Protein backbone atom coordinates (compact mmCIF):
# COMPACT_ATOMS: atom_id res chain seq x y z
CA MET A 1 -49.88 -32.63 6.86
CA ALA A 2 -48.32 -35.98 7.70
CA PRO A 3 -47.19 -38.30 4.89
CA ILE A 4 -49.53 -41.20 4.16
CA PRO A 5 -47.95 -44.66 4.14
CA GLN A 6 -48.42 -46.59 0.92
CA SER A 7 -50.15 -49.35 2.86
CA GLU A 8 -53.10 -46.99 3.37
CA VAL A 9 -53.63 -46.38 -0.34
CA SER A 10 -56.84 -47.92 -1.64
CA ASP A 11 -58.33 -48.54 -5.06
CA ALA A 12 -61.48 -46.56 -4.33
CA PHE A 13 -63.24 -44.33 -6.83
CA PRO A 14 -62.34 -46.30 -10.00
CA GLU A 15 -64.24 -43.82 -12.18
CA VAL A 16 -62.09 -40.98 -10.87
CA GLN A 17 -58.94 -42.96 -11.52
CA GLN A 18 -60.12 -43.53 -15.09
CA ASP A 19 -60.60 -39.77 -15.51
CA ILE A 20 -57.09 -39.17 -14.18
CA ALA A 21 -55.63 -41.68 -16.63
CA ARG A 22 -57.54 -40.09 -19.52
CA LEU A 23 -56.33 -36.61 -18.63
CA ALA A 24 -52.76 -37.82 -18.13
CA ALA A 25 -52.75 -39.17 -21.68
CA SER A 26 -53.92 -35.91 -23.27
CA PRO A 27 -51.31 -33.99 -25.34
CA GLU A 28 -51.84 -30.79 -23.34
CA ILE A 29 -51.15 -32.44 -20.01
CA ARG A 30 -48.13 -34.31 -21.36
CA SER A 31 -46.75 -31.02 -22.67
CA GLY A 32 -47.30 -29.51 -19.24
CA TYR A 33 -45.43 -32.34 -17.57
CA ASN A 34 -42.50 -31.90 -19.92
CA TRP A 35 -42.54 -28.17 -19.12
CA PHE A 36 -42.33 -28.96 -15.40
CA ARG A 37 -39.20 -31.03 -15.99
CA GLY A 38 -37.48 -28.12 -17.65
CA GLN A 39 -38.48 -25.69 -14.89
CA GLU A 40 -37.15 -27.53 -11.85
CA PRO A 41 -34.47 -24.90 -11.09
CA GLN A 42 -37.08 -22.11 -11.15
CA LEU A 43 -39.45 -24.07 -8.94
CA ALA A 44 -36.67 -24.76 -6.42
CA HIS A 45 -35.78 -21.06 -6.48
CA TRP A 46 -39.37 -20.11 -5.63
CA GLN A 47 -39.52 -22.67 -2.83
CA LEU A 48 -36.27 -21.51 -1.24
CA GLU A 49 -37.04 -17.81 -1.65
CA MET A 50 -40.43 -18.15 -0.01
CA ALA A 51 -39.12 -20.32 2.84
CA ARG A 52 -36.65 -17.57 3.73
CA ILE A 53 -39.57 -15.25 4.55
CA ALA A 54 -40.84 -15.88 8.07
CA ALA A 55 -44.55 -16.65 8.28
CA PRO A 56 -45.40 -17.58 11.89
CA PRO A 57 -49.05 -17.80 12.94
CA PHE A 58 -50.65 -14.35 12.57
CA GLY A 59 -47.45 -13.05 10.95
CA GLU A 60 -47.87 -14.03 7.30
CA ALA A 61 -48.03 -10.53 5.75
CA ALA A 62 -44.51 -10.45 4.28
CA ARG A 63 -44.88 -13.86 2.68
CA GLY A 64 -48.33 -12.89 1.43
CA ALA A 65 -46.85 -9.83 -0.30
CA TRP A 66 -44.23 -12.05 -1.93
CA LEU A 67 -46.93 -14.42 -3.20
CA ALA A 68 -49.02 -11.56 -4.59
CA GLU A 69 -45.99 -10.43 -6.62
CA ARG A 70 -45.59 -13.93 -8.06
CA PHE A 71 -49.29 -14.05 -8.97
CA GLN A 72 -48.92 -10.77 -10.83
CA GLU A 73 -45.78 -11.95 -12.64
CA LEU A 74 -47.65 -15.05 -13.79
CA GLY A 75 -50.39 -12.93 -15.32
CA LEU A 76 -53.23 -13.85 -12.97
CA ASP A 77 -56.19 -11.47 -12.88
CA ASP A 78 -57.71 -9.68 -9.89
CA VAL A 79 -54.72 -10.26 -7.61
CA HIS A 80 -55.67 -9.00 -4.17
CA THR A 81 -55.46 -9.66 -0.43
CA ASP A 82 -58.56 -9.93 1.75
CA ASP A 83 -59.18 -8.67 5.28
CA VAL A 84 -57.41 -11.54 7.05
CA GLY A 85 -54.44 -11.86 4.67
CA ASN A 86 -55.52 -14.49 2.13
CA ILE A 87 -54.04 -13.82 -1.33
CA PHE A 88 -56.09 -14.39 -4.49
CA GLY A 89 -55.36 -14.56 -8.21
CA VAL A 90 -57.77 -15.62 -10.97
CA HIS A 91 -57.11 -17.50 -14.20
CA PRO A 92 -60.20 -16.81 -16.34
CA GLY A 93 -62.57 -19.43 -17.69
CA PHE A 94 -66.08 -19.59 -19.11
CA GLY A 95 -68.31 -20.44 -16.16
CA ARG A 96 -69.62 -18.44 -13.22
CA ARG A 97 -68.36 -20.79 -10.53
CA TYR A 98 -64.72 -21.41 -9.71
CA VAL A 99 -62.34 -24.26 -9.14
CA ALA A 100 -60.13 -23.16 -6.24
CA LEU A 101 -56.52 -24.24 -5.80
CA SER A 102 -55.30 -23.33 -2.34
CA ALA A 103 -52.13 -23.73 -0.28
CA HIS A 104 -51.54 -22.34 3.19
CA ILE A 105 -48.65 -19.89 3.51
CA ASP A 106 -48.14 -19.97 7.30
CA THR A 107 -45.75 -22.28 9.13
CA VAL A 108 -45.74 -23.93 12.54
CA PHE A 109 -42.49 -22.19 13.46
CA PRO A 110 -42.81 -19.21 15.84
CA ALA A 111 -41.38 -15.76 15.21
CA GLY A 112 -37.62 -15.65 15.71
CA THR A 113 -36.96 -19.19 14.47
CA PRO A 114 -33.60 -19.26 12.61
CA LEU A 115 -34.32 -19.83 8.92
CA ASN A 116 -31.23 -21.62 7.66
CA VAL A 117 -32.84 -22.43 4.31
CA ARG A 118 -30.50 -24.04 1.80
CA GLN A 119 -30.13 -26.48 -1.07
CA GLN A 120 -27.70 -29.37 -1.00
CA GLY A 121 -27.68 -31.28 -4.25
CA THR A 122 -31.29 -32.04 -5.10
CA ARG A 123 -32.52 -31.66 -1.52
CA LEU A 124 -33.93 -28.53 0.10
CA TYR A 125 -33.51 -27.96 3.83
CA GLY A 126 -34.98 -25.50 6.30
CA PRO A 127 -38.04 -24.75 8.44
CA GLY A 128 -41.20 -24.72 6.35
CA VAL A 129 -39.56 -25.84 3.10
CA SER A 130 -41.86 -28.84 3.03
CA ASP A 131 -44.93 -27.72 4.98
CA ASN A 132 -46.00 -25.76 3.17
CA GLY A 133 -43.33 -24.45 0.87
CA ALA A 134 -43.89 -27.47 -1.34
CA GLY A 135 -47.63 -26.83 -1.58
CA VAL A 136 -47.28 -23.14 -2.42
CA THR A 137 -44.63 -23.91 -5.03
CA ALA A 138 -46.90 -26.53 -6.60
CA MET A 139 -49.66 -23.92 -6.80
CA LEU A 140 -47.33 -21.45 -8.51
CA ALA A 141 -46.17 -24.18 -10.89
CA ILE A 142 -49.75 -24.86 -11.96
CA ALA A 143 -50.38 -21.17 -12.57
CA ALA A 144 -47.16 -20.95 -14.57
CA VAL A 145 -47.81 -24.01 -16.74
CA LEU A 146 -51.28 -22.77 -17.64
CA ARG A 147 -49.66 -19.67 -19.06
CA ALA A 148 -46.76 -21.47 -20.76
CA VAL A 149 -48.62 -24.37 -22.36
CA ARG A 150 -52.07 -22.79 -22.61
CA ILE A 151 -53.94 -25.73 -21.14
CA ARG A 152 -57.65 -25.33 -21.73
CA HIS A 153 -60.15 -25.47 -18.89
CA ALA A 154 -63.83 -24.58 -18.72
CA LEU A 155 -64.38 -23.12 -15.26
CA PRO A 156 -62.29 -20.18 -14.05
CA LEU A 157 -59.57 -21.04 -11.55
CA VAL A 158 -58.89 -19.05 -8.40
CA PHE A 159 -55.49 -19.50 -6.80
CA ILE A 160 -55.47 -18.83 -3.05
CA GLY A 161 -52.65 -18.56 -0.56
CA ASN A 162 -54.55 -19.00 2.69
CA VAL A 163 -53.40 -17.95 6.16
CA GLY A 164 -53.86 -19.37 9.64
CA GLU A 165 -53.89 -23.06 8.81
CA GLU A 166 -51.52 -24.20 11.52
CA GLY A 167 -52.35 -24.68 15.20
CA GLU A 168 -53.78 -21.60 16.84
CA GLY A 169 -54.52 -20.14 13.43
CA ASP A 170 -57.60 -22.38 13.63
CA LEU A 171 -58.09 -22.36 9.83
CA ARG A 172 -58.99 -18.69 10.02
CA GLY A 173 -58.09 -18.09 6.37
CA MET A 174 -60.31 -20.83 4.96
CA ARG A 175 -63.10 -20.01 7.40
CA HIS A 176 -63.05 -16.42 6.18
CA ILE A 177 -63.07 -17.45 2.51
CA PHE A 178 -66.12 -19.67 2.89
CA SER A 179 -68.01 -17.04 4.86
CA ALA A 180 -67.26 -14.23 2.39
CA PRO A 181 -70.22 -13.37 0.10
CA ARG A 182 -68.02 -13.43 -3.00
CA TRP A 183 -66.67 -16.93 -2.49
CA LYS A 184 -68.92 -19.00 -0.25
CA ASP A 185 -71.34 -19.93 -3.04
CA SER A 186 -69.12 -19.40 -6.08
CA ILE A 187 -66.44 -22.04 -5.40
CA ALA A 188 -67.69 -25.28 -6.93
CA HIS A 189 -64.62 -27.43 -6.24
CA ILE A 190 -61.43 -27.02 -4.25
CA LEU A 191 -58.02 -28.66 -4.45
CA VAL A 192 -55.81 -28.17 -1.40
CA LEU A 193 -52.05 -28.49 -1.90
CA ASP A 194 -50.39 -29.38 1.41
CA GLY A 195 -47.45 -31.43 2.55
CA ALA A 196 -44.37 -32.85 0.87
CA GLY A 197 -45.78 -36.01 -0.66
CA SER A 198 -46.80 -36.28 -4.30
CA ASP A 199 -47.95 -39.89 -4.39
CA THR A 200 -51.41 -39.59 -2.82
CA ILE A 201 -54.64 -37.68 -3.19
CA VAL A 202 -56.96 -37.54 -0.18
CA ALA A 203 -60.47 -37.60 -1.59
CA GLU A 204 -62.29 -37.80 1.74
CA ALA A 205 -61.14 -36.75 5.19
CA LEU A 206 -62.58 -36.00 8.60
CA GLY A 207 -62.85 -32.41 9.68
CA SER A 208 -61.45 -31.02 12.91
CA ARG A 209 -62.87 -28.82 15.63
CA ARG A 210 -60.94 -26.81 18.20
CA PHE A 211 -62.19 -25.59 21.55
CA GLU A 212 -60.66 -23.03 23.89
CA VAL A 213 -61.14 -23.84 27.57
CA ILE A 214 -60.42 -21.11 30.13
CA VAL A 215 -60.19 -21.92 33.85
CA ARG A 216 -60.04 -18.93 36.21
CA GLY A 217 -59.45 -18.73 39.93
CA PRO A 218 -58.21 -16.33 42.62
CA GLY A 219 -54.61 -17.56 42.73
CA GLY A 220 -52.53 -16.64 45.76
CA HIS A 221 -49.48 -17.66 47.75
CA SER A 222 -48.71 -21.36 48.10
CA TRP A 223 -48.25 -20.98 51.90
CA SER A 224 -50.54 -18.26 53.16
CA ASP A 225 -53.38 -19.15 50.78
CA PHE A 226 -53.06 -22.91 51.09
CA GLY A 227 -56.41 -24.59 50.59
CA THR A 228 -57.70 -22.04 48.09
CA PRO A 229 -58.82 -23.89 44.93
CA ASN A 230 -56.01 -23.68 42.37
CA PRO A 231 -57.20 -23.41 38.74
CA ILE A 232 -53.97 -25.00 37.51
CA VAL A 233 -54.69 -28.14 39.54
CA VAL A 234 -58.24 -28.20 38.19
CA LEU A 235 -56.96 -27.82 34.64
CA SER A 236 -54.35 -30.55 35.09
CA ARG A 237 -57.09 -32.92 36.26
CA ALA A 238 -59.19 -31.98 33.24
CA ILE A 239 -56.27 -32.66 30.90
CA HIS A 240 -55.73 -36.06 32.49
CA ALA A 241 -59.42 -36.89 32.14
CA PHE A 242 -59.35 -35.77 28.51
CA SER A 243 -56.36 -38.02 27.82
CA GLU A 244 -58.47 -40.98 28.94
CA THR A 245 -61.21 -40.27 26.39
CA GLN A 246 -62.43 -43.39 24.63
CA VAL A 247 -63.40 -42.90 20.99
CA PRO A 248 -64.96 -45.29 18.47
CA ALA A 249 -62.60 -47.06 16.11
CA THR A 250 -64.70 -46.22 13.04
CA PRO A 251 -64.62 -43.58 11.81
CA LYS A 252 -61.18 -42.83 13.16
CA LYS A 253 -61.02 -39.95 15.66
CA THR A 254 -57.93 -38.48 17.30
CA PRO A 255 -58.54 -36.09 20.21
CA PHE A 256 -55.43 -34.13 21.06
CA LEU A 257 -54.13 -31.33 23.27
CA ASN A 258 -52.31 -28.35 21.86
CA ARG A 259 -49.01 -27.81 23.64
CA ARG A 260 -49.28 -24.06 23.05
CA ALA A 261 -52.33 -23.99 25.29
CA CYS A 262 -50.13 -25.11 28.17
CA GLU A 263 -47.70 -22.29 27.52
CA TRP A 264 -50.34 -19.80 28.61
CA ILE A 265 -50.99 -21.35 32.01
CA SER A 266 -50.11 -18.59 34.49
CA ALA A 267 -50.77 -17.76 38.11
CA PRO A 268 -51.78 -14.15 38.97
CA ARG A 269 -50.17 -13.02 42.23
CA ARG A 270 -51.80 -10.42 44.46
CA HIS A 271 -49.48 -7.68 43.17
CA ARG A 272 -50.85 -8.46 39.66
CA LYS A 273 -47.61 -9.76 38.17
CA TRP A 274 -47.83 -12.91 36.08
CA TYR A 275 -45.44 -15.83 36.27
CA VAL A 276 -45.46 -18.48 33.55
CA LEU A 277 -45.17 -21.93 35.06
CA SER A 278 -42.86 -23.40 32.43
CA GLU A 279 -42.17 -26.57 34.43
CA LEU A 280 -45.86 -27.41 34.65
CA CYS A 281 -46.33 -26.62 30.98
CA ALA A 282 -43.56 -29.03 30.08
CA LEU A 283 -45.25 -31.70 32.19
CA LEU A 284 -48.72 -31.11 30.80
CA SER A 285 -47.46 -31.05 27.23
CA THR A 286 -46.50 -34.72 27.59
CA VAL A 287 -50.12 -35.81 28.03
CA PRO A 288 -51.57 -35.66 24.49
CA SER A 289 -54.28 -38.19 23.82
CA ARG A 290 -53.71 -40.61 20.99
CA THR A 291 -55.99 -43.27 19.61
CA LYS A 292 -55.09 -46.49 17.91
CA PRO A 293 -55.48 -46.58 14.11
CA ALA A 294 -58.94 -47.67 13.04
CA PRO A 295 -59.33 -50.70 10.77
CA ARG A 296 -61.01 -48.56 8.12
CA LYS A 297 -59.04 -45.73 6.54
CA PRO A 298 -60.35 -42.71 4.62
CA ASP A 299 -60.44 -43.42 0.91
CA ARG A 300 -57.37 -42.26 -0.98
CA LEU A 301 -56.39 -42.35 -4.61
CA ARG A 302 -53.02 -43.29 -5.96
CA ALA A 303 -51.35 -40.54 -7.94
CA GLY A 304 -48.08 -40.72 -9.80
CA PRO A 305 -46.01 -39.11 -12.52
CA LEU A 306 -47.69 -38.50 -15.82
CA GLU A 307 -45.55 -40.86 -17.87
């Protein structure tokens, strides 16, 4: 999740901002904030420890097991992992519907990426420390402060470490949650913790859709089969046409091409061996489509420390 410049912050939803100010002034919340200050070393330890566990797309199991252990240590109920790898823990309340707090546990970094995770002074460095080590740590901090300060809440809370948020994961974790009979109608509200920033709350945002396009052809030798339609040429023309897509300024839309899709462009030879055309992939990956920022931005709320 990209940081949001301060210039994009609006004063929308004044009634919500009033609720935030009222909650921030409550003794329970102030006690919780003071507790956070005293727990910074523990929170940094969690963030570093988790970031040292690789979690590439479709390879989040080890990090999920680590998160389940933390949920159990924090006293959450019904800690379990679902069929796709999402991790759940429940903090009980009095209603039948839940408020969900969720942070994705996968990273954009592929398997084998060196994880030189470290702390220098007050800064943390390493792949995935921010996205989404910061979000998962914030989720753990909320679960911990509820136990330490005993903050009251009406609805039960379900803490979720979701998988498959990045790239080719195609939001598979969240899609599974909201298609599961247990959760699809029982989650009343959801708070997603993502990215490194702590100064904004996105109250409204556009969704995204991903499409897989497969172009097949006979392939062949560049000399003896010259003239045979080449699916790579067809696909390159399609990518160029896509990059010229015109979209309306409002609401803002940003069509884009996934570089990983290019990495799978291959040409089958007649002896059935496959050769990845890395040079073409590198070329095609430089043609993402970008749109100019729209005059109107999604509404956002300003959030800050609970002084």
